[in-house]
Amino acid sequence: MNRPTDRSPPVAGTTLIVPGYRGSDGGHWQTWMESRIPGARRVSGIDWDTPAVAVWAAVIRREITAESAPVWLVAHSFGCLAAVLAGTDRSERVAGALLVAPADPECFSPVGLRQGTGPAASSPVSLTPFMPKHALDFPTLVVASRNDPWMPWPRVRRWARRWDSKLIEIGEAGHINPDSGFGPWPEGLGLLRNLQELRDH
């Protein structure tokens, strides 16, 4: 795996950071990456504690459209699902997407979590029927763990195949978040740069 240093060339173009359910705090690799990429910014206007995919996708879609040039999406967990939906509607405006530890659409309904408490807890409807089942019209790189509690390995492989994404397996890395040791993550930044190089060739 590529292990860049801080002297690596910067990622070109605007990068939109899309956190997952409950957001990405100061110790999260997304926050670290945001500080390392010139011009990167976090998608704003989302209630990170309310995983309503249509609302999230609408905000991401708006922010993609507001940029003067195609953007790079860097998404984590539930943010990957919203980013894919938004990007599908604005594919000509997306340069590529780094999708890290995508959440399982079966864990969510259109209005929230299907487990626990809340209006979505007993919903028989998952997000699976709403997700694209075809190759995406922009380059995508899925980074996944074999023991992610939010997405079984066979399912992430299936989604990567459907989306025609390049799949990078990084072993037993949990949900690829601070709880599993992912704060500063130079390897992730290197993967984003590798995705850019794939588009350039």
N, C-alpha and C. Protein backbone atom coordinates (compact mmCIF):
# COMPACT_ATOMS: atom_id res chain seq x y z
N MET A 1 0.84 -1.19 0.00
CA MET A 1 0.00 0.00 0.00
C MET A 1 0.87 1.24 0.00
N ASN A 2 0.47 2.23 -0.74
CA ASN A 2 1.22 3.47 -0.82
C ASN A 2 1.25 4.16 0.53
N ARG A 3 2.42 4.64 0.97
CA ARG A 3 2.57 5.32 2.24
C ARG A 3 3.20 6.68 2.00
N PRO A 4 2.41 7.69 1.63
CA PRO A 4 2.96 8.99 1.30
C PRO A 4 3.44 9.73 2.53
N THR A 5 4.32 10.68 2.35
CA THR A 5 4.74 11.57 3.41
C THR A 5 4.06 12.91 3.18
N ASP A 6 4.27 13.86 4.11
CA ASP A 6 3.67 15.18 3.95
C ASP A 6 4.25 15.93 2.75
N ARG A 7 5.34 15.40 2.17
CA ARG A 7 5.92 16.04 0.98
C ARG A 7 5.26 15.56 -0.30
N SER A 8 4.30 14.63 -0.20
CA SER A 8 3.60 14.16 -1.39
C SER A 8 2.86 15.31 -2.04
N PRO A 9 2.69 15.29 -3.38
CA PRO A 9 1.98 16.37 -4.05
C PRO A 9 0.54 16.45 -3.58
N PRO A 10 -0.04 17.65 -3.49
CA PRO A 10 -1.40 17.80 -3.01
C PRO A 10 -2.42 17.22 -3.98
N VAL A 11 -3.56 16.83 -3.43
CA VAL A 11 -4.67 16.38 -4.26
C VAL A 11 -5.23 17.58 -5.01
N ALA A 12 -5.37 17.44 -6.33
CA ALA A 12 -5.85 18.55 -7.15
C ALA A 12 -7.36 18.62 -7.13
N GLY A 13 -7.91 19.84 -7.23
CA GLY A 13 -9.35 20.02 -7.29
C GLY A 13 -9.98 20.07 -5.91
N THR A 14 -11.26 20.39 -5.86
CA THR A 14 -11.98 20.48 -4.60
C THR A 14 -12.31 19.09 -4.07
N THR A 15 -12.07 18.89 -2.79
CA THR A 15 -12.40 17.63 -2.14
C THR A 15 -13.48 17.88 -1.11
N LEU A 16 -14.60 17.15 -1.23
CA LEU A 16 -15.69 17.24 -0.27
C LEU A 16 -15.61 16.04 0.67
N ILE A 17 -15.52 16.33 1.97
CA ILE A 17 -15.48 15.29 2.99
C ILE A 17 -16.91 15.00 3.43
N VAL A 18 -17.30 13.72 3.38
CA VAL A 18 -18.66 13.32 3.74
C VAL A 18 -18.58 12.33 4.91
N PRO A 19 -18.75 12.81 6.15
CA PRO A 19 -18.74 11.89 7.29
C PRO A 19 -19.91 10.93 7.27
N GLY A 20 -19.86 9.97 8.20
CA GLY A 20 -20.95 9.02 8.33
C GLY A 20 -21.86 9.36 9.48
N TYR A 21 -22.69 8.40 9.83
CA TYR A 21 -23.64 8.54 10.95
C TYR A 21 -22.89 8.98 12.20
N ARG A 22 -23.37 10.04 12.83
CA ARG A 22 -22.80 10.67 14.02
C ARG A 22 -21.55 11.48 13.75
N GLY A 23 -21.20 11.65 12.49
CA GLY A 23 -20.13 12.58 12.12
C GLY A 23 -18.72 12.05 12.36
N SER A 24 -17.75 12.91 12.10
CA SER A 24 -16.33 12.58 12.27
C SER A 24 -15.71 13.63 13.17
N ASP A 25 -15.30 13.23 14.36
CA ASP A 25 -14.77 14.19 15.31
C ASP A 25 -13.31 14.52 15.03
N GLY A 26 -12.69 15.26 15.95
CA GLY A 26 -11.32 15.73 15.73
C GLY A 26 -10.29 14.63 15.62
N GLY A 27 -10.58 13.43 16.16
CA GLY A 27 -9.63 12.33 16.08
C GLY A 27 -9.82 11.42 14.89
N HIS A 28 -10.76 11.73 14.04
CA HIS A 28 -11.10 10.87 12.90
C HIS A 28 -10.16 11.13 11.74
N TRP A 29 -9.89 10.10 10.95
CA TRP A 29 -9.00 10.25 9.79
C TRP A 29 -9.56 11.26 8.79
N GLN A 30 -10.89 11.40 8.70
CA GLN A 30 -11.45 12.38 7.77
C GLN A 30 -11.07 13.80 8.18
N THR A 31 -11.07 14.08 9.47
CA THR A 31 -10.66 15.40 9.96
C THR A 31 -9.19 15.63 9.68
N TRP A 32 -8.38 14.61 9.90
CA TRP A 32 -6.95 14.70 9.60
C TRP A 32 -6.74 14.94 8.10
N MET A 33 -7.45 14.18 7.26
CA MET A 33 -7.27 14.32 5.82
C MET A 33 -7.72 15.70 5.34
N GLU A 34 -8.82 16.19 5.92
CA GLU A 34 -9.30 17.52 5.56
C GLU A 34 -8.23 18.58 5.80
N SER A 35 -7.45 18.41 6.87
CA SER A 35 -6.41 19.39 7.20
C SER A 35 -5.18 19.26 6.30
N ARG A 36 -5.07 18.14 5.60
CA ARG A 36 -3.89 17.88 4.76
C ARG A 36 -4.11 18.21 3.29
N ILE A 37 -5.36 18.38 2.88
CA ILE A 37 -5.67 18.60 1.46
C ILE A 37 -6.04 20.06 1.25
N PRO A 38 -5.24 20.81 0.49
CA PRO A 38 -5.59 22.21 0.23
C PRO A 38 -6.97 22.34 -0.41
N GLY A 39 -7.79 23.21 0.14
CA GLY A 39 -9.10 23.45 -0.43
C GLY A 39 -10.16 22.44 -0.04
N ALA A 40 -9.81 21.43 0.74
CA ALA A 40 -10.81 20.44 1.16
C ALA A 40 -11.77 21.08 2.16
N ARG A 41 -13.00 20.63 2.11
CA ARG A 41 -13.96 21.11 3.10
C ARG A 41 -15.01 20.04 3.35
N ARG A 42 -15.56 20.12 4.54
CA ARG A 42 -16.59 19.18 4.96
C ARG A 42 -17.95 19.62 4.45
N VAL A 43 -18.75 18.68 4.00
CA VAL A 43 -20.12 18.99 3.62
C VAL A 43 -20.84 19.55 4.85
N SER A 44 -21.55 20.64 4.68
CA SER A 44 -22.22 21.28 5.81
C SER A 44 -23.74 21.22 5.62
N GLY A 45 -24.46 21.45 6.71
CA GLY A 45 -25.91 21.48 6.63
C GLY A 45 -26.58 20.13 6.82
N ILE A 46 -25.84 19.14 7.35
CA ILE A 46 -26.40 17.81 7.59
C ILE A 46 -26.46 17.57 9.09
N ASP A 47 -27.55 17.00 9.56
CA ASP A 47 -27.66 16.54 10.94
C ASP A 47 -27.07 15.13 10.98
N TRP A 48 -25.83 15.02 11.46
CA TRP A 48 -25.11 13.75 11.42
C TRP A 48 -25.74 12.69 12.31
N ASP A 49 -26.60 13.09 13.23
CA ASP A 49 -27.25 12.12 14.12
C ASP A 49 -28.57 11.59 13.56
N THR A 50 -28.96 12.08 12.40
CA THR A 50 -30.22 11.63 11.77
C THR A 50 -29.91 11.11 10.37
N PRO A 51 -29.68 9.81 10.24
CA PRO A 51 -29.28 9.25 8.94
C PRO A 51 -30.46 9.06 7.97
N ALA A 52 -30.94 10.17 7.46
CA ALA A 52 -32.01 10.16 6.45
C ALA A 52 -31.36 10.33 5.09
N VAL A 53 -31.28 9.29 4.31
CA VAL A 53 -30.41 9.28 3.14
C VAL A 53 -30.82 10.30 2.08
N ALA A 54 -32.12 10.51 1.88
CA ALA A 54 -32.54 11.48 0.86
C ALA A 54 -32.14 12.89 1.25
N VAL A 55 -32.23 13.20 2.53
CA VAL A 55 -31.83 14.53 3.00
C VAL A 55 -30.32 14.72 2.83
N TRP A 56 -29.55 13.73 3.25
CA TRP A 56 -28.10 13.83 3.11
C TRP A 56 -27.71 13.96 1.63
N ALA A 57 -28.29 13.11 0.78
CA ALA A 57 -27.94 13.14 -0.64
C ALA A 57 -28.28 14.49 -1.26
N ALA A 58 -29.39 15.08 -0.85
CA ALA A 58 -29.78 16.38 -1.40
C ALA A 58 -28.75 17.46 -1.04
N VAL A 59 -28.25 17.43 0.19
CA VAL A 59 -27.23 18.41 0.60
C VAL A 59 -25.94 18.19 -0.17
N ILE A 60 -25.51 16.95 -0.29
CA ILE A 60 -24.28 16.65 -1.03
C ILE A 60 -24.43 17.05 -2.49
N ARG A 61 -25.58 16.76 -3.07
CA ARG A 61 -25.86 17.13 -4.46
C ARG A 61 -25.76 18.64 -4.65
N ARG A 62 -26.31 19.39 -3.70
CA ARG A 62 -26.25 20.84 -3.77
C ARG A 62 -24.81 21.34 -3.72
N GLU A 63 -24.01 20.74 -2.86
CA GLU A 63 -22.63 21.19 -2.73
C GLU A 63 -21.79 20.80 -3.94
N ILE A 64 -22.08 19.65 -4.53
CA ILE A 64 -21.40 19.28 -5.77
C ILE A 64 -21.72 20.30 -6.86
N THR A 65 -22.98 20.64 -6.99
CA THR A 65 -23.43 21.57 -8.03
C THR A 65 -22.85 22.95 -7.84
N ALA A 66 -22.60 23.34 -6.60
CA ALA A 66 -22.10 24.69 -6.31
C ALA A 66 -20.65 24.89 -6.72
N GLU A 67 -19.91 23.80 -6.92
CA GLU A 67 -18.49 23.91 -7.30
C GLU A 67 -18.36 24.21 -8.79
N SER A 68 -17.32 24.94 -9.13
CA SER A 68 -17.11 25.33 -10.53
C SER A 68 -16.48 24.22 -11.37
N ALA A 69 -15.94 23.21 -10.71
CA ALA A 69 -15.29 22.10 -11.41
C ALA A 69 -15.66 20.80 -10.72
N PRO A 70 -15.49 19.66 -11.39
CA PRO A 70 -15.79 18.38 -10.76
C PRO A 70 -15.04 18.20 -9.44
N VAL A 71 -15.69 17.53 -8.49
CA VAL A 71 -15.15 17.38 -7.14
C VAL A 71 -14.74 15.93 -6.88
N TRP A 72 -13.91 15.78 -5.86
CA TRP A 72 -13.56 14.47 -5.32
C TRP A 72 -14.34 14.28 -4.04
N LEU A 73 -14.99 13.15 -3.89
CA LEU A 73 -15.76 12.84 -2.69
C LEU A 73 -14.95 11.87 -1.82
N VAL A 74 -14.85 12.18 -0.54
CA VAL A 74 -14.18 11.30 0.42
C VAL A 74 -15.21 10.99 1.50
N ALA A 75 -15.79 9.80 1.44
CA ALA A 75 -16.93 9.46 2.29
C ALA A 75 -16.60 8.28 3.20
N HIS A 76 -17.30 8.24 4.34
CA HIS A 76 -17.13 7.15 5.30
C HIS A 76 -18.51 6.64 5.73
N SER A 77 -18.63 5.32 5.84
CA SER A 77 -19.78 4.67 6.45
C SER A 77 -21.10 5.04 5.75
N PHE A 78 -22.08 5.52 6.51
CA PHE A 78 -23.36 5.90 5.92
C PHE A 78 -23.17 7.03 4.90
N GLY A 79 -22.16 7.86 5.09
CA GLY A 79 -21.87 8.92 4.13
C GLY A 79 -21.58 8.37 2.74
N CYS A 80 -21.05 7.14 2.67
CA CYS A 80 -20.80 6.53 1.36
C CYS A 80 -22.10 6.31 0.61
N LEU A 81 -23.14 5.85 1.31
CA LEU A 81 -24.42 5.60 0.66
C LEU A 81 -25.02 6.89 0.12
N ALA A 82 -24.99 7.94 0.95
CA ALA A 82 -25.52 9.23 0.50
C ALA A 82 -24.69 9.81 -0.63
N ALA A 83 -23.36 9.65 -0.56
CA ALA A 83 -22.48 10.19 -1.60
C ALA A 83 -22.71 9.48 -2.93
N VAL A 84 -22.91 8.16 -2.90
CA VAL A 84 -23.17 7.41 -4.13
C VAL A 84 -24.48 7.87 -4.76
N LEU A 85 -25.51 8.04 -3.96
CA LEU A 85 -26.79 8.50 -4.50
C LEU A 85 -26.68 9.90 -5.09
N ALA A 86 -26.01 10.80 -4.37
CA ALA A 86 -25.84 12.17 -4.88
C ALA A 86 -24.97 12.17 -6.13
N GLY A 87 -23.90 11.40 -6.11
CA GLY A 87 -23.00 11.36 -7.26
C GLY A 87 -23.64 10.78 -8.50
N THR A 88 -24.54 9.81 -8.31
CA THR A 88 -25.24 9.22 -9.45
C THR A 88 -26.07 10.27 -10.18
N ASP A 89 -26.64 11.20 -9.43
CA ASP A 89 -27.44 12.27 -10.03
C ASP A 89 -26.62 13.40 -10.61
N ARG A 90 -25.34 13.47 -10.25
CA ARG A 90 -24.46 14.55 -10.70
C ARG A 90 -23.14 13.98 -11.20
N SER A 91 -23.21 12.87 -11.93
CA SER A 91 -21.99 12.14 -12.29
C SER A 91 -21.01 12.97 -13.10
N GLU A 92 -21.53 13.89 -13.92
CA GLU A 92 -20.64 14.73 -14.72
C GLU A 92 -19.89 15.73 -13.87
N ARG A 93 -20.29 15.90 -12.61
CA ARG A 93 -19.68 16.86 -11.70
C ARG A 93 -18.79 16.18 -10.66
N VAL A 94 -18.64 14.85 -10.75
CA VAL A 94 -17.84 14.10 -9.78
C VAL A 94 -16.61 13.54 -10.48
N ALA A 95 -15.43 13.93 -9.99
CA ALA A 95 -14.18 13.43 -10.57
C ALA A 95 -13.93 12.00 -10.11
N GLY A 96 -14.33 11.68 -8.89
CA GLY A 96 -14.13 10.35 -8.35
C GLY A 96 -14.52 10.33 -6.89
N ALA A 97 -14.63 9.12 -6.32
CA ALA A 97 -15.05 8.99 -4.93
C ALA A 97 -14.24 7.92 -4.23
N LEU A 98 -13.72 8.28 -3.05
CA LEU A 98 -13.08 7.33 -2.15
C LEU A 98 -14.13 6.95 -1.11
N LEU A 99 -14.55 5.69 -1.11
CA LEU A 99 -15.63 5.20 -0.25
C LEU A 99 -15.04 4.26 0.78
N VAL A 100 -14.95 4.73 2.02
CA VAL A 100 -14.25 3.98 3.07
C VAL A 100 -15.27 3.38 4.03
N ALA A 101 -15.17 2.07 4.20
CA ALA A 101 -16.06 1.33 5.11
C ALA A 101 -17.53 1.66 4.87
N PRO A 102 -18.03 1.45 3.66
CA PRO A 102 -19.45 1.74 3.41
C PRO A 102 -20.34 0.98 4.39
N ALA A 103 -21.38 1.64 4.86
CA ALA A 103 -22.35 0.96 5.72
C ALA A 103 -23.27 0.07 4.89
N ASP A 104 -23.78 -0.96 5.51
CA ASP A 104 -24.70 -1.87 4.85
C ASP A 104 -26.07 -1.19 4.69
N PRO A 105 -26.57 -1.06 3.47
CA PRO A 105 -27.90 -0.46 3.29
C PRO A 105 -29.00 -1.20 4.06
N GLU A 106 -28.77 -2.48 4.39
CA GLU A 106 -29.76 -3.23 5.15
C GLU A 106 -29.90 -2.74 6.58
N CYS A 107 -28.91 -1.99 7.08
CA CYS A 107 -28.97 -1.48 8.45
C CYS A 107 -29.84 -0.24 8.58
N PHE A 108 -30.24 0.33 7.45
CA PHE A 108 -30.96 1.60 7.47
C PHE A 108 -32.25 1.51 6.67
N SER A 109 -33.23 2.30 7.09
CA SER A 109 -34.43 2.54 6.30
C SER A 109 -34.26 3.92 5.65
N PRO A 110 -35.19 4.36 4.83
CA PRO A 110 -35.07 5.71 4.25
C PRO A 110 -35.04 6.83 5.29
N VAL A 111 -35.47 6.54 6.53
CA VAL A 111 -35.52 7.62 7.53
C VAL A 111 -34.61 7.39 8.72
N GLY A 112 -33.83 6.33 8.76
CA GLY A 112 -32.92 6.14 9.88
C GLY A 112 -32.51 4.70 10.09
N LEU A 113 -31.98 4.42 11.29
CA LEU A 113 -31.55 3.07 11.65
C LEU A 113 -32.74 2.12 11.73
N ARG A 114 -32.50 0.87 11.33
CA ARG A 114 -33.57 -0.13 11.46
C ARG A 114 -33.46 -0.89 12.78
N GLN A 115 -32.32 -0.72 13.53
CA GLN A 115 -32.18 -1.35 14.84
C GLN A 115 -32.37 -0.32 15.93
N GLY A 116 -32.55 -0.79 17.16
CA GLY A 116 -32.61 0.12 18.28
C GLY A 116 -33.97 0.79 18.42
N THR A 117 -33.95 2.09 18.69
CA THR A 117 -35.19 2.83 18.90
C THR A 117 -35.34 3.91 17.85
N GLY A 118 -36.53 4.48 17.79
CA GLY A 118 -36.77 5.56 16.84
C GLY A 118 -37.75 5.13 15.77
N PRO A 119 -38.14 6.06 14.89
CA PRO A 119 -39.20 5.79 13.91
C PRO A 119 -38.84 4.73 12.88
N ALA A 120 -37.54 4.50 12.67
CA ALA A 120 -37.15 3.54 11.63
C ALA A 120 -36.88 2.15 12.18
N ALA A 121 -36.90 1.99 13.52
CA ALA A 121 -36.44 0.75 14.13
C ALA A 121 -37.20 -0.48 13.65
N SER A 122 -38.49 -0.35 13.43
CA SER A 122 -39.29 -1.51 13.04
C SER A 122 -39.64 -1.50 11.55
N SER A 123 -38.94 -0.66 10.79
CA SER A 123 -39.28 -0.54 9.37
C SER A 123 -38.92 -1.81 8.60
N PRO A 124 -39.84 -2.34 7.80
CA PRO A 124 -39.53 -3.50 6.97
C PRO A 124 -38.74 -3.11 5.72
N VAL A 125 -38.62 -1.81 5.45
CA VAL A 125 -37.99 -1.33 4.22
C VAL A 125 -36.56 -0.91 4.51
N SER A 126 -35.62 -1.48 3.78
CA SER A 126 -34.23 -1.07 3.90
C SER A 126 -33.86 -0.13 2.75
N LEU A 127 -32.63 0.38 2.79
CA LEU A 127 -32.15 1.24 1.71
C LEU A 127 -31.72 0.46 0.47
N THR A 128 -31.62 -0.85 0.60
CA THR A 128 -31.10 -1.64 -0.52
C THR A 128 -31.81 -1.38 -1.84
N PRO A 129 -33.14 -1.33 -1.88
CA PRO A 129 -33.80 -1.09 -3.18
C PRO A 129 -33.51 0.28 -3.79
N PHE A 130 -33.05 1.21 -2.97
CA PHE A 130 -32.83 2.57 -3.45
C PHE A 130 -31.40 2.81 -3.95
N MET A 131 -30.50 1.87 -3.67
CA MET A 131 -29.10 2.05 -4.04
C MET A 131 -28.86 1.63 -5.50
N PRO A 132 -27.94 2.30 -6.20
CA PRO A 132 -27.65 1.91 -7.59
C PRO A 132 -27.18 0.46 -7.67
N LYS A 133 -27.70 -0.27 -8.65
CA LYS A 133 -27.31 -1.67 -8.86
C LYS A 133 -26.41 -1.82 -10.08
N HIS A 134 -25.93 -0.69 -10.61
CA HIS A 134 -25.17 -0.70 -11.86
C HIS A 134 -23.84 0.01 -11.66
N ALA A 135 -22.97 -0.09 -12.66
CA ALA A 135 -21.68 0.60 -12.60
C ALA A 135 -21.90 2.11 -12.50
N LEU A 136 -21.15 2.74 -11.62
CA LEU A 136 -21.25 4.19 -11.47
C LEU A 136 -20.52 4.87 -12.61
N ASP A 137 -20.93 6.08 -12.93
CA ASP A 137 -20.37 6.81 -14.08
C ASP A 137 -19.17 7.67 -13.70
N PHE A 138 -18.56 7.39 -12.55
CA PHE A 138 -17.35 8.08 -12.14
C PHE A 138 -16.47 7.07 -11.40
N PRO A 139 -15.15 7.28 -11.38
CA PRO A 139 -14.27 6.30 -10.73
C PRO A 139 -14.52 6.23 -9.23
N THR A 140 -14.54 5.01 -8.70
CA THR A 140 -14.71 4.83 -7.26
C THR A 140 -13.73 3.80 -6.73
N LEU A 141 -13.27 4.05 -5.52
CA LEU A 141 -12.38 3.14 -4.83
C LEU A 141 -13.02 2.84 -3.48
N VAL A 142 -13.37 1.57 -3.25
CA VAL A 142 -13.95 1.14 -1.99
C VAL A 142 -12.85 0.55 -1.13
N VAL A 143 -12.71 1.07 0.08
CA VAL A 143 -11.74 0.56 1.04
C VAL A 143 -12.53 -0.12 2.15
N ALA A 144 -12.25 -1.39 2.41
CA ALA A 144 -13.09 -2.14 3.33
C ALA A 144 -12.27 -3.07 4.22
N SER A 145 -12.91 -3.43 5.33
CA SER A 145 -12.32 -4.30 6.33
C SER A 145 -13.06 -5.63 6.35
N ARG A 146 -12.38 -6.69 6.72
CA ARG A 146 -13.01 -8.01 6.75
C ARG A 146 -13.87 -8.23 8.00
N ASN A 147 -13.72 -7.36 9.01
CA ASN A 147 -14.52 -7.55 10.22
C ASN A 147 -15.27 -6.28 10.60
N ASP A 148 -15.75 -5.57 9.58
CA ASP A 148 -16.50 -4.34 9.82
C ASP A 148 -17.87 -4.68 10.39
N PRO A 149 -18.21 -4.18 11.59
CA PRO A 149 -19.52 -4.50 12.16
C PRO A 149 -20.69 -3.88 11.41
N TRP A 150 -20.40 -2.90 10.54
CA TRP A 150 -21.46 -2.22 9.80
C TRP A 150 -21.64 -2.75 8.38
N MET A 151 -20.80 -3.71 7.96
CA MET A 151 -20.96 -4.25 6.60
C MET A 151 -20.21 -5.58 6.50
N PRO A 152 -20.93 -6.70 6.39
CA PRO A 152 -20.26 -7.99 6.21
C PRO A 152 -19.41 -7.99 4.93
N TRP A 153 -18.26 -8.65 5.01
CA TRP A 153 -17.33 -8.66 3.88
C TRP A 153 -17.98 -9.15 2.57
N PRO A 154 -18.76 -10.23 2.56
CA PRO A 154 -19.36 -10.65 1.28
C PRO A 154 -20.25 -9.58 0.66
N ARG A 155 -20.92 -8.79 1.50
CA ARG A 155 -21.81 -7.76 0.95
C ARG A 155 -21.03 -6.59 0.37
N VAL A 156 -19.95 -6.19 1.02
CA VAL A 156 -19.17 -5.08 0.47
C VAL A 156 -18.55 -5.49 -0.86
N ARG A 157 -18.16 -6.74 -0.98
CA ARG A 157 -17.64 -7.23 -2.27
C ARG A 157 -18.72 -7.16 -3.34
N ARG A 158 -19.94 -7.51 -2.96
CA ARG A 158 -21.06 -7.49 -3.91
C ARG A 158 -21.34 -6.06 -4.39
N TRP A 159 -21.37 -5.10 -3.44
CA TRP A 159 -21.63 -3.72 -3.83
C TRP A 159 -20.50 -3.16 -4.70
N ALA A 160 -19.27 -3.50 -4.36
CA ALA A 160 -18.15 -3.02 -5.17
C ALA A 160 -18.25 -3.54 -6.60
N ARG A 161 -18.63 -4.80 -6.75
CA ARG A 161 -18.80 -5.35 -8.10
C ARG A 161 -19.92 -4.63 -8.85
N ARG A 162 -21.04 -4.41 -8.17
CA ARG A 162 -22.17 -3.74 -8.84
C ARG A 162 -21.78 -2.34 -9.31
N TRP A 163 -21.04 -1.65 -8.49
CA TRP A 163 -20.67 -0.27 -8.82
C TRP A 163 -19.44 -0.19 -9.72
N ASP A 164 -18.84 -1.34 -10.04
CA ASP A 164 -17.61 -1.38 -10.82
C ASP A 164 -16.51 -0.57 -10.13
N SER A 165 -16.44 -0.72 -8.81
CA SER A 165 -15.44 -0.03 -8.00
C SER A 165 -14.22 -0.91 -7.84
N LYS A 166 -13.07 -0.30 -7.74
CA LYS A 166 -11.89 -1.03 -7.32
C LYS A 166 -11.99 -1.24 -5.82
N LEU A 167 -11.80 -2.47 -5.36
CA LEU A 167 -11.94 -2.81 -3.94
C LEU A 167 -10.58 -3.04 -3.32
N ILE A 168 -10.30 -2.30 -2.24
CA ILE A 168 -9.07 -2.47 -1.47
C ILE A 168 -9.44 -3.05 -0.12
N GLU A 169 -8.94 -4.25 0.17
CA GLU A 169 -9.19 -4.91 1.45
C GLU A 169 -8.00 -4.67 2.37
N ILE A 170 -8.25 -4.14 3.57
CA ILE A 170 -7.13 -3.79 4.46
C ILE A 170 -7.12 -4.66 5.72
N GLY A 171 -7.59 -5.89 5.61
CA GLY A 171 -7.51 -6.82 6.72
C GLY A 171 -8.62 -6.60 7.74
N GLU A 172 -8.36 -7.00 8.96
CA GLU A 172 -9.33 -6.86 10.04
C GLU A 172 -9.12 -5.50 10.70
N ALA A 173 -9.79 -4.50 10.17
CA ALA A 173 -9.60 -3.12 10.59
C ALA A 173 -10.87 -2.50 11.14
N GLY A 174 -11.81 -3.33 11.59
CA GLY A 174 -13.04 -2.81 12.16
C GLY A 174 -13.78 -1.90 11.19
N HIS A 175 -14.26 -0.79 11.72
CA HIS A 175 -15.03 0.15 10.89
C HIS A 175 -14.15 1.26 10.32
N ILE A 176 -12.86 1.07 10.38
CA ILE A 176 -11.89 2.04 9.84
C ILE A 176 -12.20 3.43 10.40
N ASN A 177 -12.21 3.51 11.70
CA ASN A 177 -12.51 4.75 12.41
C ASN A 177 -11.56 4.88 13.61
N PRO A 178 -11.65 5.94 14.40
CA PRO A 178 -10.73 6.08 15.54
C PRO A 178 -10.77 4.92 16.52
N ASP A 179 -11.95 4.32 16.72
CA ASP A 179 -12.04 3.18 17.64
C ASP A 179 -11.21 2.00 17.18
N SER A 180 -10.96 1.91 15.88
CA SER A 180 -10.13 0.82 15.36
C SER A 180 -8.74 1.31 14.95
N GLY A 181 -8.36 2.50 15.45
CA GLY A 181 -6.99 2.98 15.28
C GLY A 181 -6.74 3.87 14.08
N PHE A 182 -7.80 4.42 13.47
CA PHE A 182 -7.63 5.24 12.28
C PHE A 182 -7.89 6.71 12.59
N GLY A 183 -6.81 7.38 13.07
CA GLY A 183 -6.80 8.82 13.22
C GLY A 183 -6.06 9.37 12.01
N PRO A 184 -4.85 9.88 12.18
CA PRO A 184 -4.03 10.21 11.00
C PRO A 184 -3.86 8.96 10.14
N TRP A 185 -4.11 9.11 8.84
CA TRP A 185 -4.11 7.93 7.95
C TRP A 185 -3.45 8.28 6.62
N PRO A 186 -2.11 8.32 6.61
CA PRO A 186 -1.41 8.63 5.35
C PRO A 186 -1.75 7.65 4.23
N GLU A 187 -2.00 6.38 4.59
CA GLU A 187 -2.32 5.40 3.55
C GLU A 187 -3.62 5.78 2.83
N GLY A 188 -4.58 6.29 3.57
CA GLY A 188 -5.83 6.71 2.95
C GLY A 188 -5.64 7.87 2.00
N LEU A 189 -4.78 8.81 2.39
CA LEU A 189 -4.48 9.93 1.50
C LEU A 189 -3.77 9.42 0.25
N GLY A 190 -2.91 8.45 0.43
CA GLY A 190 -2.26 7.85 -0.73
C GLY A 190 -3.23 7.17 -1.67
N LEU A 191 -4.26 6.53 -1.11
CA LEU A 191 -5.27 5.88 -1.94
C LEU A 191 -6.08 6.90 -2.74
N LEU A 192 -6.36 8.04 -2.13
CA LEU A 192 -7.06 9.09 -2.86
C LEU A 192 -6.20 9.58 -4.02
N ARG A 193 -4.92 9.74 -3.80
CA ARG A 193 -4.02 10.17 -4.88
C ARG A 193 -3.92 9.10 -5.96
N ASN A 194 -3.92 7.84 -5.56
CA ASN A 194 -3.91 6.77 -6.55
C ASN A 194 -5.17 6.79 -7.40
N LEU A 195 -6.31 7.09 -6.78
CA LEU A 195 -7.57 7.19 -7.52
C LEU A 195 -7.48 8.31 -8.54
N GLN A 196 -6.89 9.43 -8.15
CA GLN A 196 -6.71 10.53 -9.10
C GLN A 196 -5.84 10.12 -10.27
N GLU A 197 -4.78 9.39 -9.98
CA GLU A 197 -3.88 8.97 -11.06
C GLU A 197 -4.59 8.04 -12.02
N LEU A 198 -5.47 7.17 -11.51
CA LEU A 198 -6.24 6.29 -12.39
C LEU A 198 -7.10 7.10 -13.36
N ARG A 199 -7.70 8.19 -12.85
CA ARG A 199 -8.55 9.01 -13.72
C ARG A 199 -7.71 9.75 -14.74
N ASP A 200 -6.50 10.13 -14.38
CA ASP A 200 -5.65 10.91 -15.27
C ASP A 200 -5.08 10.09 -16.42
N HIS A 201 -5.14 8.75 -16.29
CA HIS A 201 -4.54 7.92 -17.33
C HIS A 201 -5.61 7.22 -18.17
